[in-house]
Amino acid sequence: MNNIATDTKDQQPTEGLPGWLVKSTAYLNELRKQADTGRWAMLRRGAGKALSEARDIHWIYGLLDRFAKPHDEEAYFLVATLIAFDKTFTQQDASGRAFTFTGNIGRTMRALKVGKPDTAQQSFDRRFGILLNADFDPQLGGELAFRLRQCVKRIIAERNSAIAINWPQLLADILDWNNENKRVQKSWARAYYTTNTPADSKSENESQEQITQGN
């Protein structure tokens, strides 16, 4: 794998940060530097598709070669197609920034459903259950790509300023999706279904640490 080179003006403080977070953040900020309006549109059209099925995205192979191992390319591409829907990310300048939102998709979805009518919450629960059961093929993408596209578009359409997507964490979670112990699925479910108490937050954080230690 090639070394990651960035301009000094784009560098962020990395002391004390885990390696996976430094790498994921560097990838996403480099993606923002290289993508323009047309490229973001191409990535959005590729959402839910495998890398081999997407059109007009040849430029991203240079990024994948720098940041992703061959068997991880689908995960990196999937996150690129999803983050293309997030205008709070794509419309900022390319001066690298930290991702401050913590938690996983489970926490984000839970925050989004709070306060909604019972029927809407039941719909959230049903869709979230389908998401947890989705398969991911490191070579072909699989159902997870389609389900995450639906999930992300809904989050972005309905969220407020207090709700966001932890993109580096999402990348780490997709990379670990096929863990035989289903660590990611359990962590998402715990974050989504439990009440927000200190004990729950501690349990969720421990689960996230187990996931990211392997990336």
N, C-alpha and C. Protein backbone atom coordinates (compact mmCIF):
# COMPACT_ATOMS: atom_id res chain seq x y z
N MET A 1 0.84 -1.19 0.00
CA MET A 1 0.00 0.00 0.00
C MET A 1 0.88 1.24 0.00
N ASN A 2 0.48 2.21 -0.81
CA ASN A 2 1.28 3.42 -0.91
C ASN A 2 1.12 4.27 0.33
N ASN A 3 2.10 5.11 0.60
CA ASN A 3 1.99 6.03 1.72
C ASN A 3 0.98 7.11 1.39
N ILE A 4 0.30 7.63 2.40
CA ILE A 4 -0.69 8.67 2.22
C ILE A 4 0.00 10.02 2.33
N ALA A 5 -0.11 10.82 1.29
CA ALA A 5 0.54 12.13 1.29
C ALA A 5 -0.53 13.21 1.30
N THR A 6 -0.41 14.16 2.17
CA THR A 6 -1.34 15.28 2.22
C THR A 6 -0.55 16.56 2.40
N ASP A 7 -1.13 17.66 1.92
CA ASP A 7 -0.51 18.95 2.14
C ASP A 7 -0.56 19.29 3.62
N THR A 8 0.41 20.05 4.08
CA THR A 8 0.45 20.38 5.50
C THR A 8 -0.77 21.18 5.93
N LYS A 9 -1.33 21.97 5.07
CA LYS A 9 -2.51 22.75 5.45
C LYS A 9 -3.73 21.88 5.68
N ASP A 10 -3.71 20.64 5.14
CA ASP A 10 -4.85 19.74 5.29
C ASP A 10 -4.67 18.77 6.43
N GLN A 11 -3.53 18.80 7.09
CA GLN A 11 -3.28 17.84 8.14
C GLN A 11 -4.02 18.21 9.41
N GLN A 12 -4.51 17.18 10.11
CA GLN A 12 -5.21 17.38 11.37
C GLN A 12 -4.37 16.78 12.48
N PRO A 13 -4.53 17.26 13.71
CA PRO A 13 -3.82 16.64 14.83
C PRO A 13 -4.22 15.17 14.94
N THR A 14 -3.25 14.28 14.96
CA THR A 14 -3.55 12.85 15.01
C THR A 14 -3.00 12.18 16.26
N GLU A 15 -2.31 12.94 17.10
CA GLU A 15 -1.72 12.36 18.30
C GLU A 15 -2.81 11.79 19.20
N GLY A 16 -2.65 10.54 19.58
CA GLY A 16 -3.59 9.90 20.47
C GLY A 16 -4.79 9.29 19.79
N LEU A 17 -4.96 9.52 18.48
CA LEU A 17 -6.09 8.94 17.76
C LEU A 17 -5.74 7.55 17.27
N PRO A 18 -6.71 6.62 17.26
CA PRO A 18 -6.43 5.27 16.75
C PRO A 18 -6.13 5.30 15.27
N GLY A 19 -5.32 4.36 14.82
CA GLY A 19 -4.89 4.34 13.43
C GLY A 19 -6.03 4.26 12.44
N TRP A 20 -7.07 3.46 12.75
CA TRP A 20 -8.18 3.32 11.82
C TRP A 20 -8.90 4.65 11.61
N LEU A 21 -9.00 5.47 12.68
CA LEU A 21 -9.69 6.75 12.56
C LEU A 21 -8.87 7.74 11.74
N VAL A 22 -7.57 7.75 11.95
CA VAL A 22 -6.69 8.62 11.16
C VAL A 22 -6.79 8.27 9.68
N LYS A 23 -6.75 6.98 9.39
CA LYS A 23 -6.79 6.53 7.99
C LYS A 23 -8.14 6.83 7.35
N SER A 24 -9.23 6.53 8.06
CA SER A 24 -10.57 6.76 7.51
C SER A 24 -10.81 8.24 7.26
N THR A 25 -10.42 9.07 8.21
CA THR A 25 -10.61 10.51 8.05
C THR A 25 -9.77 11.05 6.89
N ALA A 26 -8.55 10.55 6.76
CA ALA A 26 -7.70 10.99 5.65
C ALA A 26 -8.32 10.61 4.31
N TYR A 27 -8.88 9.41 4.22
CA TYR A 27 -9.53 8.96 2.98
C TYR A 27 -10.72 9.85 2.63
N LEU A 28 -11.57 10.12 3.60
CA LEU A 28 -12.77 10.90 3.34
C LEU A 28 -12.43 12.35 2.98
N ASN A 29 -11.45 12.93 3.63
CA ASN A 29 -11.06 14.29 3.29
C ASN A 29 -10.37 14.37 1.93
N GLU A 30 -9.61 13.34 1.58
CA GLU A 30 -9.01 13.30 0.25
C GLU A 30 -10.09 13.12 -0.82
N LEU A 31 -11.10 12.32 -0.50
CA LEU A 31 -12.23 12.16 -1.42
C LEU A 31 -12.89 13.51 -1.68
N ARG A 32 -13.08 14.29 -0.64
CA ARG A 32 -13.71 15.60 -0.80
C ARG A 32 -12.83 16.53 -1.64
N LYS A 33 -11.53 16.43 -1.51
CA LYS A 33 -10.63 17.27 -2.29
C LYS A 33 -10.71 16.94 -3.77
N GLN A 34 -10.85 15.66 -4.10
CA GLN A 34 -10.80 15.23 -5.49
C GLN A 34 -12.15 15.27 -6.20
N ALA A 35 -13.23 15.25 -5.43
CA ALA A 35 -14.56 15.20 -6.03
C ALA A 35 -15.11 16.61 -6.27
N ASP A 36 -15.70 16.81 -7.45
CA ASP A 36 -16.40 18.05 -7.74
C ASP A 36 -17.88 17.72 -7.87
N THR A 37 -18.68 18.69 -8.30
CA THR A 37 -20.12 18.48 -8.39
C THR A 37 -20.47 17.30 -9.28
N GLY A 38 -19.79 17.19 -10.41
CA GLY A 38 -20.05 16.09 -11.32
C GLY A 38 -19.68 14.74 -10.74
N ARG A 39 -18.57 14.69 -10.05
CA ARG A 39 -18.13 13.42 -9.46
C ARG A 39 -19.03 12.99 -8.31
N TRP A 40 -19.49 13.96 -7.52
CA TRP A 40 -20.44 13.61 -6.45
C TRP A 40 -21.71 13.02 -7.05
N ALA A 41 -22.17 13.60 -8.15
CA ALA A 41 -23.38 13.08 -8.81
C ALA A 41 -23.15 11.66 -9.31
N MET A 42 -21.98 11.40 -9.87
CA MET A 42 -21.66 10.05 -10.34
C MET A 42 -21.64 9.06 -9.18
N LEU A 43 -21.10 9.48 -8.05
CA LEU A 43 -21.07 8.61 -6.88
C LEU A 43 -22.48 8.33 -6.37
N ARG A 44 -23.33 9.35 -6.36
CA ARG A 44 -24.72 9.13 -5.93
C ARG A 44 -25.42 8.13 -6.84
N ARG A 45 -25.15 8.22 -8.14
CA ARG A 45 -25.77 7.26 -9.07
C ARG A 45 -25.24 5.86 -8.84
N GLY A 46 -24.05 5.76 -8.27
CA GLY A 46 -23.46 4.44 -8.01
C GLY A 46 -23.87 3.84 -6.69
N ALA A 47 -24.62 4.59 -5.87
CA ALA A 47 -25.03 4.09 -4.55
C ALA A 47 -25.91 2.86 -4.70
N GLY A 48 -25.60 1.83 -3.93
CA GLY A 48 -26.34 0.59 -3.99
C GLY A 48 -25.80 -0.40 -5.00
N LYS A 49 -24.82 0.02 -5.79
CA LYS A 49 -24.23 -0.84 -6.81
C LYS A 49 -22.84 -1.30 -6.38
N ALA A 50 -22.40 -2.39 -6.99
CA ALA A 50 -21.03 -2.84 -6.78
C ALA A 50 -20.09 -1.94 -7.56
N LEU A 51 -18.85 -1.90 -7.17
CA LEU A 51 -17.85 -1.07 -7.84
C LEU A 51 -17.78 -1.39 -9.32
N SER A 52 -17.88 -2.67 -9.66
CA SER A 52 -17.78 -3.09 -11.07
C SER A 52 -19.00 -2.67 -11.88
N GLU A 53 -20.12 -2.36 -11.22
CA GLU A 53 -21.35 -1.99 -11.92
C GLU A 53 -21.48 -0.48 -12.10
N ALA A 54 -20.76 0.29 -11.31
CA ALA A 54 -20.89 1.75 -11.36
C ALA A 54 -20.23 2.30 -12.62
N ARG A 55 -20.77 3.40 -13.12
CA ARG A 55 -20.27 4.00 -14.34
C ARG A 55 -19.59 5.34 -14.05
N ASP A 56 -18.58 5.63 -14.86
CA ASP A 56 -17.91 6.94 -14.82
C ASP A 56 -17.29 7.28 -13.48
N ILE A 57 -16.77 6.27 -12.79
CA ILE A 57 -16.13 6.52 -11.50
C ILE A 57 -14.67 6.03 -11.52
N HIS A 58 -14.08 5.99 -12.70
CA HIS A 58 -12.73 5.45 -12.82
C HIS A 58 -11.71 6.22 -11.99
N TRP A 59 -11.96 7.49 -11.78
CA TRP A 59 -11.02 8.33 -11.02
C TRP A 59 -10.84 7.85 -9.59
N ILE A 60 -11.85 7.17 -9.04
CA ILE A 60 -11.76 6.78 -7.63
C ILE A 60 -10.78 5.63 -7.41
N TYR A 61 -10.39 4.94 -8.47
CA TYR A 61 -9.45 3.83 -8.30
C TYR A 61 -8.10 4.32 -7.78
N GLY A 62 -7.74 5.55 -8.12
CA GLY A 62 -6.50 6.10 -7.58
C GLY A 62 -6.57 6.24 -6.07
N LEU A 63 -7.73 6.67 -5.57
CA LEU A 63 -7.92 6.78 -4.12
C LEU A 63 -7.93 5.41 -3.46
N LEU A 64 -8.62 4.47 -4.07
CA LEU A 64 -8.71 3.13 -3.50
C LEU A 64 -7.33 2.48 -3.43
N ASP A 65 -6.52 2.73 -4.44
CA ASP A 65 -5.17 2.15 -4.44
C ASP A 65 -4.34 2.71 -3.29
N ARG A 66 -4.57 3.96 -2.93
CA ARG A 66 -3.80 4.60 -1.86
C ARG A 66 -4.26 4.18 -0.47
N PHE A 67 -5.56 3.97 -0.31
CA PHE A 67 -6.10 3.81 1.03
C PHE A 67 -6.63 2.41 1.36
N ALA A 68 -7.06 1.66 0.37
CA ALA A 68 -7.77 0.40 0.65
C ALA A 68 -6.99 -0.82 0.18
N LYS A 69 -7.05 -1.87 0.97
CA LYS A 69 -6.56 -3.16 0.51
C LYS A 69 -7.52 -3.67 -0.55
N PRO A 70 -7.05 -4.52 -1.49
CA PRO A 70 -7.93 -4.99 -2.57
C PRO A 70 -9.26 -5.55 -2.08
N HIS A 71 -9.25 -6.34 -1.01
CA HIS A 71 -10.50 -6.95 -0.55
C HIS A 71 -11.38 -5.98 0.24
N ASP A 72 -10.90 -4.75 0.46
CA ASP A 72 -11.68 -3.74 1.17
C ASP A 72 -12.25 -2.67 0.25
N GLU A 73 -11.98 -2.77 -1.04
CA GLU A 73 -12.36 -1.69 -1.96
C GLU A 73 -13.86 -1.46 -2.01
N GLU A 74 -14.66 -2.53 -1.95
CA GLU A 74 -16.12 -2.36 -2.01
C GLU A 74 -16.62 -1.54 -0.82
N ALA A 75 -16.06 -1.78 0.35
CA ALA A 75 -16.47 -1.02 1.54
C ALA A 75 -16.12 0.46 1.40
N TYR A 76 -14.92 0.75 0.94
CA TYR A 76 -14.50 2.14 0.75
C TYR A 76 -15.35 2.82 -0.31
N PHE A 77 -15.64 2.10 -1.39
CA PHE A 77 -16.48 2.67 -2.45
C PHE A 77 -17.89 2.91 -1.94
N LEU A 78 -18.43 1.97 -1.19
CA LEU A 78 -19.79 2.12 -0.66
C LEU A 78 -19.91 3.38 0.18
N VAL A 79 -18.97 3.61 1.07
CA VAL A 79 -19.03 4.81 1.91
C VAL A 79 -18.91 6.07 1.06
N ALA A 80 -18.10 6.03 0.01
CA ALA A 80 -17.97 7.19 -0.87
C ALA A 80 -19.29 7.52 -1.55
N THR A 81 -20.03 6.48 -1.97
CA THR A 81 -21.32 6.73 -2.63
C THR A 81 -22.36 7.26 -1.65
N LEU A 82 -22.27 6.84 -0.40
CA LEU A 82 -23.24 7.28 0.60
C LEU A 82 -22.95 8.70 1.08
N ILE A 83 -21.68 9.00 1.30
CA ILE A 83 -21.33 10.34 1.79
C ILE A 83 -21.60 11.41 0.74
N ALA A 84 -21.73 10.98 -0.52
CA ALA A 84 -22.04 11.92 -1.60
C ALA A 84 -23.42 12.54 -1.43
N PHE A 85 -24.30 11.91 -0.64
CA PHE A 85 -25.62 12.47 -0.37
C PHE A 85 -25.60 13.52 0.74
N ASP A 86 -24.52 13.59 1.47
CA ASP A 86 -24.43 14.45 2.66
C ASP A 86 -23.85 15.82 2.29
N LYS A 87 -24.72 16.78 2.08
CA LYS A 87 -24.26 18.10 1.65
C LYS A 87 -23.49 18.84 2.72
N THR A 88 -23.68 18.49 3.99
CA THR A 88 -22.87 19.12 5.03
C THR A 88 -21.41 18.73 4.88
N PHE A 89 -21.16 17.64 4.17
CA PHE A 89 -19.79 17.20 3.90
C PHE A 89 -19.32 17.68 2.53
N THR A 90 -20.12 17.47 1.50
CA THR A 90 -19.68 17.75 0.13
C THR A 90 -19.58 19.23 -0.17
N GLN A 91 -20.34 20.07 0.52
CA GLN A 91 -20.34 21.50 0.21
C GLN A 91 -19.35 22.30 1.04
N GLN A 92 -18.62 21.64 1.95
CA GLN A 92 -17.57 22.33 2.69
C GLN A 92 -16.31 22.38 1.84
N ASP A 93 -15.41 23.28 2.22
CA ASP A 93 -14.16 23.36 1.47
C ASP A 93 -13.30 22.14 1.78
N ALA A 94 -12.20 22.02 1.09
CA ALA A 94 -11.37 20.82 1.18
C ALA A 94 -10.29 20.92 2.24
N SER A 95 -10.44 21.84 3.18
CA SER A 95 -9.44 21.94 4.25
C SER A 95 -9.78 20.93 5.33
N GLY A 96 -9.16 19.77 5.30
CA GLY A 96 -9.51 18.64 6.14
C GLY A 96 -10.02 19.01 7.52
N ARG A 97 -11.00 18.27 8.00
CA ARG A 97 -11.57 18.59 9.30
C ARG A 97 -11.80 17.30 10.07
N ALA A 98 -11.98 17.43 11.36
CA ALA A 98 -12.26 16.27 12.18
C ALA A 98 -13.74 15.94 12.11
N PHE A 99 -14.05 14.66 12.31
CA PHE A 99 -15.43 14.23 12.40
C PHE A 99 -15.77 14.12 13.88
N THR A 100 -16.66 14.99 14.35
CA THR A 100 -16.87 15.11 15.78
C THR A 100 -18.04 14.28 16.29
N PHE A 101 -18.94 13.83 15.41
CA PHE A 101 -20.08 13.05 15.86
C PHE A 101 -19.63 11.65 16.26
N THR A 102 -20.09 11.19 17.42
CA THR A 102 -19.70 9.87 17.90
C THR A 102 -20.88 8.92 17.79
N GLY A 103 -20.59 7.63 17.92
CA GLY A 103 -21.65 6.64 17.84
C GLY A 103 -21.73 6.02 16.46
N ASN A 104 -22.66 5.08 16.31
CA ASN A 104 -22.80 4.37 15.04
C ASN A 104 -24.17 4.64 14.43
N ILE A 105 -24.48 3.93 13.36
CA ILE A 105 -25.76 4.13 12.68
C ILE A 105 -26.93 3.81 13.61
N GLY A 106 -26.75 2.85 14.49
CA GLY A 106 -27.81 2.53 15.44
C GLY A 106 -28.18 3.72 16.30
N ARG A 107 -27.18 4.42 16.80
CA ARG A 107 -27.43 5.61 17.63
C ARG A 107 -28.10 6.70 16.80
N THR A 108 -27.64 6.89 15.58
CA THR A 108 -28.23 7.91 14.71
C THR A 108 -29.69 7.62 14.43
N MET A 109 -30.00 6.36 14.10
CA MET A 109 -31.38 5.98 13.81
C MET A 109 -32.26 6.12 15.05
N ARG A 110 -31.73 5.76 16.20
CA ARG A 110 -32.51 5.91 17.43
C ARG A 110 -32.84 7.38 17.68
N ALA A 111 -31.86 8.27 17.51
CA ALA A 111 -32.10 9.70 17.71
C ALA A 111 -33.13 10.23 16.73
N LEU A 112 -33.14 9.66 15.52
CA LEU A 112 -34.05 10.14 14.49
C LEU A 112 -35.49 9.72 14.77
N LYS A 113 -35.69 8.55 15.37
CA LYS A 113 -37.06 8.07 15.58
C LYS A 113 -37.70 8.61 16.86
N VAL A 114 -36.90 9.13 17.78
CA VAL A 114 -37.43 9.64 19.05
C VAL A 114 -38.44 10.76 18.78
N GLY A 115 -39.60 10.66 19.43
CA GLY A 115 -40.61 11.69 19.30
C GLY A 115 -41.57 11.49 18.15
N LYS A 116 -41.32 10.49 17.31
CA LYS A 116 -42.22 10.23 16.19
C LYS A 116 -43.43 9.42 16.67
N PRO A 117 -44.53 9.45 15.93
CA PRO A 117 -45.70 8.65 16.29
C PRO A 117 -45.35 7.15 16.33
N ASP A 118 -46.17 6.39 17.04
CA ASP A 118 -45.90 4.96 17.20
C ASP A 118 -45.78 4.25 15.86
N THR A 119 -46.65 4.58 14.92
CA THR A 119 -46.59 3.91 13.62
C THR A 119 -45.28 4.19 12.90
N ALA A 120 -44.78 5.42 13.02
CA ALA A 120 -43.51 5.77 12.39
C ALA A 120 -42.36 5.04 13.08
N GLN A 121 -42.43 4.93 14.41
CA GLN A 121 -41.38 4.22 15.13
C GLN A 121 -41.37 2.74 14.76
N GLN A 122 -42.54 2.17 14.57
CA GLN A 122 -42.61 0.77 14.15
C GLN A 122 -42.00 0.58 12.78
N SER A 123 -42.21 1.55 11.90
CA SER A 123 -41.59 1.50 10.57
C SER A 123 -40.07 1.57 10.68
N PHE A 124 -39.57 2.44 11.56
CA PHE A 124 -38.13 2.52 11.80
C PHE A 124 -37.60 1.18 12.28
N ASP A 125 -38.30 0.58 13.25
CA ASP A 125 -37.85 -0.70 13.81
C ASP A 125 -37.79 -1.77 12.73
N ARG A 126 -38.80 -1.81 11.89
CA ARG A 126 -38.85 -2.83 10.84
C ARG A 126 -37.70 -2.65 9.84
N ARG A 127 -37.49 -1.43 9.40
CA ARG A 127 -36.41 -1.17 8.45
C ARG A 127 -35.04 -1.42 9.07
N PHE A 128 -34.91 -1.08 10.34
CA PHE A 128 -33.63 -1.29 11.00
C PHE A 128 -33.34 -2.78 11.13
N GLY A 129 -34.36 -3.58 11.42
CA GLY A 129 -34.17 -5.02 11.49
C GLY A 129 -33.73 -5.61 10.16
N ILE A 130 -34.32 -5.12 9.08
CA ILE A 130 -33.93 -5.57 7.74
C ILE A 130 -32.48 -5.19 7.46
N LEU A 131 -32.09 -3.99 7.87
CA LEU A 131 -30.71 -3.54 7.68
C LEU A 131 -29.73 -4.45 8.40
N LEU A 132 -30.05 -4.82 9.64
CA LEU A 132 -29.14 -5.67 10.41
C LEU A 132 -28.97 -7.05 9.78
N ASN A 133 -29.98 -7.51 9.06
CA ASN A 133 -29.92 -8.84 8.45
C ASN A 133 -29.34 -8.83 7.04
N ALA A 134 -29.01 -7.66 6.52
CA ALA A 134 -28.50 -7.56 5.16
C ALA A 134 -27.12 -8.19 5.04
N ASP A 135 -26.86 -8.80 3.89
CA ASP A 135 -25.55 -9.41 3.65
C ASP A 135 -24.64 -8.42 2.94
N PHE A 136 -23.34 -8.63 3.11
CA PHE A 136 -22.35 -7.80 2.41
C PHE A 136 -21.29 -8.70 1.80
N ASP A 137 -21.15 -8.60 0.50
CA ASP A 137 -20.15 -9.37 -0.23
C ASP A 137 -18.96 -8.45 -0.52
N PRO A 138 -17.78 -8.74 0.02
CA PRO A 138 -16.62 -7.87 -0.20
C PRO A 138 -16.24 -7.72 -1.67
N GLN A 139 -16.74 -8.61 -2.53
CA GLN A 139 -16.43 -8.53 -3.94
C GLN A 139 -17.56 -7.90 -4.76
N LEU A 140 -18.81 -8.07 -4.30
CA LEU A 140 -19.95 -7.65 -5.11
C LEU A 140 -20.87 -6.65 -4.42
N GLY A 141 -20.58 -6.32 -3.20
CA GLY A 141 -21.42 -5.35 -2.49
C GLY A 141 -22.53 -6.01 -1.70
N GLY A 142 -23.50 -6.58 -2.38
CA GLY A 142 -24.59 -7.27 -1.70
C GLY A 142 -25.70 -6.35 -1.25
N GLU A 143 -26.66 -6.93 -0.51
CA GLU A 143 -27.86 -6.21 -0.09
C GLU A 143 -27.55 -5.03 0.83
N LEU A 144 -26.49 -5.12 1.61
CA LEU A 144 -26.16 -4.05 2.56
C LEU A 144 -26.02 -2.70 1.86
N ALA A 145 -25.44 -2.70 0.67
CA ALA A 145 -25.25 -1.45 -0.06
C ALA A 145 -26.60 -0.79 -0.36
N PHE A 146 -27.57 -1.58 -0.78
CA PHE A 146 -28.90 -1.06 -1.09
C PHE A 146 -29.60 -0.58 0.18
N ARG A 147 -29.53 -1.36 1.25
CA ARG A 147 -30.21 -1.00 2.50
C ARG A 147 -29.59 0.25 3.14
N LEU A 148 -28.28 0.35 3.08
CA LEU A 148 -27.63 1.54 3.64
C LEU A 148 -27.96 2.79 2.84
N ARG A 149 -28.10 2.64 1.53
CA ARG A 149 -28.50 3.79 0.72
C ARG A 149 -29.86 4.31 1.18
N GLN A 150 -30.81 3.41 1.39
CA GLN A 150 -32.13 3.82 1.88
C GLN A 150 -32.02 4.49 3.25
N CYS A 151 -31.24 3.88 4.12
CA CYS A 151 -31.09 4.38 5.48
C CYS A 151 -30.46 5.77 5.50
N VAL A 152 -29.37 5.93 4.78
CA VAL A 152 -28.64 7.21 4.77
C VAL A 152 -29.49 8.32 4.17
N LYS A 153 -30.19 8.03 3.09
CA LYS A 153 -31.02 9.06 2.47
C LYS A 153 -32.13 9.51 3.42
N ARG A 154 -32.67 8.58 4.19
CA ARG A 154 -33.72 8.96 5.15
C ARG A 154 -33.14 9.79 6.28
N ILE A 155 -31.99 9.38 6.78
CA ILE A 155 -31.35 10.15 7.85
C ILE A 155 -31.09 11.58 7.40
N ILE A 156 -30.53 11.74 6.22
CA ILE A 156 -30.18 13.06 5.72
C ILE A 156 -31.42 13.91 5.47
N ALA A 157 -32.50 13.27 5.01
CA ALA A 157 -33.73 14.01 4.71
C ALA A 157 -34.44 14.48 5.97
N GLU A 158 -34.32 13.73 7.07
CA GLU A 158 -35.13 14.01 8.26
C GLU A 158 -34.34 14.54 9.46
N ARG A 159 -33.04 14.57 9.38
CA ARG A 159 -32.24 14.89 10.56
C ARG A 159 -32.31 16.38 10.89
N ASN A 160 -31.86 16.69 12.11
CA ASN A 160 -31.69 18.08 12.51
C ASN A 160 -30.22 18.31 12.85
N SER A 161 -29.91 19.48 13.38
CA SER A 161 -28.51 19.83 13.62
C SER A 161 -27.84 18.95 14.67
N ALA A 162 -28.65 18.27 15.50
CA ALA A 162 -28.08 17.43 16.56
C ALA A 162 -27.86 15.99 16.11
N ILE A 163 -28.25 15.67 14.89
CA ILE A 163 -28.15 14.29 14.39
C ILE A 163 -27.22 14.27 13.18
N ALA A 164 -26.29 13.37 13.18
CA ALA A 164 -25.34 13.26 12.07
C ALA A 164 -24.93 11.81 11.89
N ILE A 165 -24.15 11.56 10.87
CA ILE A 165 -23.63 10.23 10.60
C ILE A 165 -22.13 10.24 10.88
N ASN A 166 -21.68 9.30 11.64
CA ASN A 166 -20.26 9.16 11.94
C ASN A 166 -19.63 8.37 10.79
N TRP A 167 -19.17 9.07 9.78
CA TRP A 167 -18.70 8.42 8.55
C TRP A 167 -17.47 7.54 8.76
N PRO A 168 -16.45 7.97 9.48
CA PRO A 168 -15.32 7.07 9.72
C PRO A 168 -15.74 5.79 10.44
N GLN A 169 -16.66 5.91 11.40
CA GLN A 169 -17.14 4.73 12.11
C GLN A 169 -17.93 3.82 11.18
N LEU A 170 -18.73 4.41 10.29
CA LEU A 170 -19.49 3.60 9.34
C LEU A 170 -18.56 2.79 8.45
N LEU A 171 -17.48 3.40 8.01
CA LEU A 171 -16.51 2.67 7.19
C LEU A 171 -15.92 1.50 7.97
N ALA A 172 -15.53 1.75 9.22
CA ALA A 172 -14.97 0.68 10.05
C ALA A 172 -15.99 -0.43 10.26
N ASP A 173 -17.26 -0.07 10.42
CA ASP A 173 -18.30 -1.07 10.65
C ASP A 173 -18.54 -1.93 9.41
N ILE A 174 -18.54 -1.31 8.24
CA ILE A 174 -18.74 -2.09 7.01
C ILE A 174 -17.57 -3.04 6.81
N LEU A 175 -16.37 -2.58 7.10
CA LEU A 175 -15.19 -3.45 6.97
C LEU A 175 -15.29 -4.68 7.87
N ASP A 176 -15.99 -4.54 8.99
CA ASP A 176 -16.10 -5.64 9.96
C ASP A 176 -17.46 -6.32 9.93
N TRP A 177 -18.26 -6.03 8.92
CA TRP A 177 -19.64 -6.51 8.86
C TRP A 177 -19.74 -8.03 8.90
N ASN A 178 -18.82 -8.72 8.27
CA ASN A 178 -18.89 -10.18 8.17
C ASN A 178 -18.18 -10.90 9.31
N ASN A 179 -17.85 -10.19 10.37
CA ASN A 179 -17.26 -10.84 11.53
C ASN A 179 -18.17 -11.97 12.00
N GLU A 180 -17.59 -13.13 12.28
CA GLU A 180 -18.41 -14.31 12.60
C GLU A 180 -19.23 -14.12 13.87
N ASN A 181 -18.81 -13.24 14.75
CA ASN A 181 -19.57 -12.98 15.98
C ASN A 181 -20.58 -11.85 15.83
N LYS A 182 -20.69 -11.32 14.60
CA LYS A 182 -21.64 -10.23 14.30
C LYS A 182 -21.47 -9.06 15.27
N ARG A 183 -20.24 -8.65 15.47
CA ARG A 183 -19.95 -7.58 16.42
C ARG A 183 -20.63 -6.27 16.03
N VAL A 184 -20.60 -5.96 14.74
CA VAL A 184 -21.18 -4.70 14.29
C VAL A 184 -22.69 -4.71 14.47
N GLN A 185 -23.32 -5.79 14.02
CA GLN A 185 -24.78 -5.88 14.13
C GLN A 185 -25.23 -5.78 15.59
N LYS A 186 -24.50 -6.43 16.48
CA LYS A 186 -24.84 -6.36 17.91
C LYS A 186 -24.65 -4.94 18.45
N SER A 187 -23.58 -4.29 18.02
CA SER A 187 -23.32 -2.93 18.49
C SER A 187 -24.39 -1.96 18.00
N TRP A 188 -24.79 -2.09 16.73
CA TRP A 188 -25.84 -1.24 16.20
C TRP A 188 -27.16 -1.49 16.93
N ALA A 189 -27.48 -2.77 17.14
CA ALA A 189 -28.74 -3.10 17.82
C ALA A 189 -28.74 -2.56 19.25
N ARG A 190 -27.62 -2.69 19.93
CA ARG A 190 -27.53 -2.18 21.31
C ARG A 190 -27.72 -0.66 21.33
N ALA A 191 -27.11 0.02 20.38
CA ALA A 191 -27.23 1.48 20.33
C ALA A 191 -28.65 1.92 19.98
N TYR A 192 -29.33 1.13 19.17
CA TYR A 192 -30.67 1.50 18.70
C TYR A 192 -31.76 1.19 19.71
N TYR A 193 -31.68 0.03 20.34
CA TYR A 193 -32.80 -0.44 21.14
C TYR A 193 -32.70 -0.12 22.63
N THR A 194 -31.52 0.18 23.14
CA THR A 194 -31.40 0.45 24.57
C THR A 194 -31.69 1.91 24.87
N THR A 195 -32.06 2.17 26.13
CA THR A 195 -32.29 3.54 26.54
C THR A 195 -30.95 4.23 26.77
N ASN A 196 -30.95 5.53 26.75
CA ASN A 196 -29.71 6.30 26.81
C ASN A 196 -29.31 6.55 28.26
N THR A 197 -28.73 5.53 28.90
CA THR A 197 -28.24 5.65 30.26
C THR A 197 -26.73 5.55 30.25
N PRO A 198 -26.04 5.98 31.31
CA PRO A 198 -24.58 5.85 31.36
C PRO A 198 -24.11 4.43 31.15
N ALA A 199 -24.84 3.45 31.72
CA ALA A 199 -24.44 2.05 31.56
C ALA A 199 -24.56 1.61 30.12
N ASP A 200 -25.63 2.07 29.44
CA ASP A 200 -25.80 1.71 28.04
C ASP A 200 -24.70 2.32 27.19
N SER A 201 -24.37 3.58 27.46
CA SER A 201 -23.32 4.25 26.69
C SER A 201 -21.98 3.54 26.88
N LYS A 202 -21.70 3.10 28.10
CA LYS A 202 -20.45 2.39 28.37
C LYS A 202 -20.42 1.08 27.59
N SER A 203 -21.54 0.35 27.58
CA SER A 203 -21.60 -0.91 26.86
C SER A 203 -21.44 -0.70 25.36
N GLU A 204 -22.07 0.35 24.84
CA GLU A 204 -21.96 0.65 23.42
C GLU A 204 -20.53 1.02 23.06
N ASN A 205 -19.88 1.84 23.87
CA ASN A 205 -18.51 2.24 23.60
C ASN A 205 -17.56 1.05 23.61
N GLU A 206 -17.78 0.12 24.53
CA GLU A 206 -16.94 -1.08 24.59
C GLU A 206 -17.11 -1.90 23.32
N SER A 207 -18.32 -1.99 22.81
CA SER A 207 -18.56 -2.73 21.58
C SER A 207 -17.86 -2.07 20.41
N GLN A 208 -17.91 -0.73 20.35
CA GLN A 208 -17.26 -0.02 19.26
C GLN A 208 -15.74 -0.19 19.32
N GLU A 209 -15.18 -0.21 20.52
CA GLU A 209 -13.74 -0.41 20.66
C GLU A 209 -13.34 -1.78 20.14
N GLN A 210 -14.15 -2.80 20.40
CA GLN A 210 -13.85 -4.15 19.93
C GLN A 210 -13.85 -4.20 18.41
N ILE A 211 -14.79 -3.48 17.80
CA ILE A 211 -14.89 -3.47 16.35
C ILE A 211 -13.68 -2.78 15.73
N THR A 212 -13.37 -1.57 16.21
CA THR A 212 -12.34 -0.77 15.57
C THR A 212 -10.93 -1.27 15.86
N GLN A 213 -10.76 -2.05 16.90
CA GLN A 213 -9.43 -2.60 17.18
C GLN A 213 -8.99 -3.56 16.09
N GLY A 214 -9.95 -4.10 15.36
CA GLY A 214 -9.59 -5.05 14.31
C GLY A 214 -9.34 -4.39 12.97
N ASN A 215 -9.47 -3.04 12.87
CA ASN A 215 -9.30 -2.35 11.60
C ASN A 215 -8.03 -1.51 11.60
